[in-house]
Amino acid sequence: MTSRGATGDAGGARAEAIRQRLQGLDPIELEIGDDSHLHAGHASAGGAGHFRVRLVSARFRGLARVARHRLVYDLLSDLIPRDVHALALTLLAPDEAPSPAGVRAAAPPFVGK
């Protein structure tokens, strides 16, 4: 699990707070990026951050996209809107997540003549 792109102490602390809360979904993979610097001067944010989250969890199996988002927003509700102004979410079940770059499953052995 990684936390990438955090800028400054506030961004890093906010990303860590997000990471801690999302542990409730037993993530297989969790990436958090702080994109706040891309929104500098965005007055309506009021100092809160813009974050990008990619989370792979078995808890998402069989759930519609909206239900997945609700799970995440419920876990982060105390951070919104004070610390988190915007979230870009990519929420996947394990079977929906692409394999790591460059890693391919081994081909089954050839059987036949």
C-alpha atoms as a PDB file:
ATOM      1  CA  MET A   1       0.000   0.000   0.000  1.00  0.00           C
ATOM      2  CA  THR A   2       1.346   3.395  -0.897  1.00  0.00           C
ATOM      3  CA  SER A   3       0.555   7.008  -0.292  1.00  0.00           C
ATOM      4  CA  ARG A   4       1.853   9.160  -3.119  1.00  0.00           C
ATOM      5  CA  GLY A   5       1.928  12.794  -4.017  1.00  0.00           C
ATOM      6  CA  ALA A   6       1.308  14.292  -0.594  1.00  0.00           C
ATOM      7  CA  THR A   7       2.445  17.913  -0.542  1.00  0.00           C
ATOM      8  CA  GLY A   8       3.402  19.656   2.650  1.00  0.00           C
ATOM      9  CA  ASP A   9       2.656  18.677   6.212  1.00  0.00           C
ATOM     10  CA  ALA A  10      -1.096  19.283   5.972  1.00  0.00           C
ATOM     11  CA  GLY A  11      -1.409  17.224   2.772  1.00  0.00           C
ATOM     12  CA  GLY A  12       0.659  14.383   4.211  1.00  0.00           C
ATOM     13  CA  ALA A  13      -1.310  14.354   7.455  1.00  0.00           C
ATOM     14  CA  ARG A  14      -4.592  14.405   5.550  1.00  0.00           C
ATOM     15  CA  ALA A  15      -3.486  11.563   3.262  1.00  0.00           C
ATOM     16  CA  GLU A  16      -2.470   9.570   6.342  1.00  0.00           C
ATOM     17  CA  ALA A  17      -5.859  10.232   7.963  1.00  0.00           C
ATOM     18  CA  ILE A  18      -7.567   8.977   4.797  1.00  0.00           C
ATOM     19  CA  ARG A  19      -5.315   5.896   4.725  1.00  0.00           C
ATOM     20  CA  GLN A  20      -6.071   5.056   8.350  1.00  0.00           C
ATOM     21  CA  ARG A  21      -9.826   5.299   7.898  1.00  0.00           C
ATOM     22  CA  LEU A  22      -9.832   3.235   4.714  1.00  0.00           C
ATOM     23  CA  GLN A  23      -8.138   0.345   6.533  1.00  0.00           C
ATOM     24  CA  GLY A  24     -11.698  -0.537   7.571  1.00  0.00           C
ATOM     25  CA  LEU A  25     -12.193  -1.865   4.030  1.00  0.00           C
ATOM     26  CA  ASP A  26      -9.249  -4.286   4.347  1.00  0.00           C
ATOM     27  CA  PRO A  27      -7.506  -2.948   1.246  1.00  0.00           C
ATOM     28  CA  ILE A  28      -5.452  -5.259  -0.917  1.00  0.00           C
ATOM     29  CA  GLU A  29      -4.093  -2.189  -2.666  1.00  0.00           C
ATOM     30  CA  LEU A  30      -4.398   1.451  -1.607  1.00  0.00           C
ATOM     31  CA  GLU A  31      -2.911   4.491  -3.321  1.00  0.00           C
ATOM     32  CA  ILE A  32      -3.619   8.022  -2.157  1.00  0.00           C
ATOM     33  CA  GLY A  33      -2.485  11.060  -4.093  1.00  0.00           C
ATOM     34  CA  ASP A  34      -2.752  14.673  -2.981  1.00  0.00           C
ATOM     35  CA  ASP A  35      -3.722  16.808  -5.971  1.00  0.00           C
ATOM     36  CA  SER A  36      -4.305  19.961  -3.922  1.00  0.00           C
ATOM     37  CA  HIS A  37      -1.461  21.800  -5.658  1.00  0.00           C
ATOM     38  CA  LEU A  38      -3.384  21.491  -8.927  1.00  0.00           C
ATOM     39  CA  HIS A  39      -6.237  23.476  -7.392  1.00  0.00           C
ATOM     40  CA  ALA A  40      -4.302  26.324  -5.775  1.00  0.00           C
ATOM     41  CA  GLY A  41      -6.524  29.362  -5.414  1.00  0.00           C
ATOM     42  CA  HIS A  42      -9.730  27.318  -5.582  1.00  0.00           C
ATOM     43  CA  ALA A  43     -11.632  29.552  -3.155  1.00  0.00           C
ATOM     44  CA  SER A  44     -14.509  27.171  -2.420  1.00  0.00           C
ATOM     45  CA  ALA A  45     -12.094  24.552  -1.037  1.00  0.00           C
ATOM     46  CA  GLY A  46     -11.469  26.720   2.040  1.00  0.00           C
ATOM     47  CA  GLY A  47      -8.063  25.118   2.654  1.00  0.00           C
ATOM     48  CA  ALA A  48      -9.300  21.527   2.383  1.00  0.00           C
ATOM     49  CA  GLY A  49      -7.509  19.138   0.036  1.00  0.00           C
ATOM     50  CA  HIS A  50      -8.180  17.433  -3.276  1.00  0.00           C
ATOM     51  CA  PHE A  51      -7.289  13.741  -3.192  1.00  0.00           C
ATOM     52  CA  ARG A  52      -7.119  10.832  -5.607  1.00  0.00           C
ATOM     53  CA  VAL A  53      -7.758   7.358  -4.155  1.00  0.00           C
ATOM     54  CA  ARG A  54      -7.325   3.971  -5.820  1.00  0.00           C
ATOM     55  CA  LEU A  55      -8.521   1.147  -3.611  1.00  0.00           C
ATOM     56  CA  VAL A  56      -8.818  -2.568  -4.309  1.00  0.00           C
ATOM     57  CA  SER A  57     -10.854  -4.501  -1.749  1.00  0.00           C
ATOM     58  CA  ALA A  58     -12.773  -7.763  -1.626  1.00  0.00           C
ATOM     59  CA  ARG A  59     -15.487  -5.774   0.183  1.00  0.00           C
ATOM     60  CA  PHE A  60     -16.415  -4.274  -3.207  1.00  0.00           C
ATOM     61  CA  ARG A  61     -17.355  -7.634  -4.766  1.00  0.00           C
ATOM     62  CA  GLY A  62     -20.932  -7.553  -6.007  1.00  0.00           C
ATOM     63  CA  LEU A  63     -21.435  -3.885  -5.093  1.00  0.00           C
ATOM     64  CA  ALA A  64     -22.564  -1.237  -7.544  1.00  0.00           C
ATOM     65  CA  ARG A  65     -20.335   1.803  -8.035  1.00  0.00           C
ATOM     66  CA  VAL A  66     -22.592   4.016  -5.898  1.00  0.00           C
ATOM     67  CA  ALA A  67     -22.544   1.522  -3.001  1.00  0.00           C
ATOM     68  CA  ARG A  68     -18.723   1.428  -3.121  1.00  0.00           C
ATOM     69  CA  HIS A  69     -18.572   5.218  -3.010  1.00  0.00           C
ATOM     70  CA  ARG A  70     -20.970   5.295  -0.066  1.00  0.00           C
ATOM     71  CA  LEU A  71     -18.722   2.914   1.898  1.00  0.00           C
ATOM     72  CA  VAL A  72     -15.740   5.205   1.342  1.00  0.00           C
ATOM     73  CA  TYR A  73     -17.635   8.419   2.081  1.00  0.00           C
ATOM     74  CA  ASP A  74     -19.046   6.916   5.282  1.00  0.00           C
ATOM     75  CA  LEU A  75     -15.520   6.130   6.500  1.00  0.00           C
ATOM     76  CA  LEU A  76     -14.264   9.627   5.608  1.00  0.00           C
ATOM     77  CA  SER A  77     -17.316  11.613   6.724  1.00  0.00           C
ATOM     78  CA  ASP A  78     -15.516  13.299   9.629  1.00  0.00           C
ATOM     79  CA  LEU A  79     -12.883  14.668   7.206  1.00  0.00           C
ATOM     80  CA  ILE A  80     -15.377  16.181   4.760  1.00  0.00           C
ATOM     81  CA  PRO A  81     -15.449  19.161   4.150  1.00  0.00           C
ATOM     82  CA  ARG A  82     -12.932  20.354   6.782  1.00  0.00           C
ATOM     83  CA  ASP A  83      -9.907  18.390   5.549  1.00  0.00           C
ATOM     84  CA  VAL A  84     -11.120  16.871   2.280  1.00  0.00           C
ATOM     85  CA  HIS A  85     -12.797  19.055  -0.318  1.00  0.00           C
ATOM     86  CA  ALA A  86     -12.758  16.665  -3.278  1.00  0.00           C
ATOM     87  CA  LEU A  87     -12.133  12.982  -3.926  1.00  0.00           C
ATOM     88  CA  ALA A  88     -11.470  11.206  -7.207  1.00  0.00           C
ATOM     89  CA  LEU A  89     -12.202   7.552  -6.473  1.00  0.00           C
ATOM     90  CA  THR A  90     -11.213   4.384  -8.317  1.00  0.00           C
ATOM     91  CA  LEU A  91     -12.745   1.510  -6.330  1.00  0.00           C
ATOM     92  CA  LEU A  92     -12.219  -2.039  -7.551  1.00  0.00           C
ATOM     93  CA  ALA A  93     -12.877  -5.607  -6.472  1.00  0.00           C
ATOM     94  CA  PRO A  94      -9.778  -7.826  -6.782  1.00  0.00           C
ATOM     95  CA  ASP A  95     -10.994  -9.502  -9.987  1.00  0.00           C
ATOM     96  CA  GLU A  96     -11.480  -6.063 -11.606  1.00  0.00           C
ATOM     97  CA  ALA A  97      -7.984  -4.779 -10.880  1.00  0.00           C
ATOM     98  CA  PRO A  98      -5.434  -5.123 -13.655  1.00  0.00           C
ATOM     99  CA  SER A  99      -2.342  -7.182 -12.928  1.00  0.00           C
ATOM    100  CA  PRO A 100       0.748  -5.198 -11.930  1.00  0.00           C
ATOM    101  CA  ALA A 101       2.536  -3.747 -14.959  1.00  0.00           C
ATOM    102  CA  GLY A 102       4.651  -6.264 -16.765  1.00  0.00           C
ATOM    103  CA  VAL A 103       3.429  -9.230 -14.734  1.00  0.00           C
ATOM    104  CA  ARG A 104       1.587 -11.864 -16.693  1.00  0.00           C
ATOM    105  CA  ALA A 105       0.005 -15.005 -15.412  1.00  0.00           C
ATOM    106  CA  ALA A 106       1.831 -18.123 -16.449  1.00  0.00           C
ATOM    107  CA  ALA A 107       0.300 -19.833 -19.433  1.00  0.00           C
ATOM    108  CA  PRO A 108      -1.183 -23.253 -18.738  1.00  0.00           C
ATOM    109  CA  PRO A 109       1.024 -26.101 -19.922  1.00  0.00           C
ATOM    110  CA  PHE A 110       0.445 -27.306 -23.459  1.00  0.00           C
ATOM    111  CA  VAL A 111      -1.309 -30.650 -23.515  1.00  0.00           C
ATOM    112  CA  GLY A 112      -1.771 -32.454 -26.771  1.00  0.00           C
ATOM    113  CA  LYS A 113       0.043 -33.630 -29.854  1.00  0.00           C
END
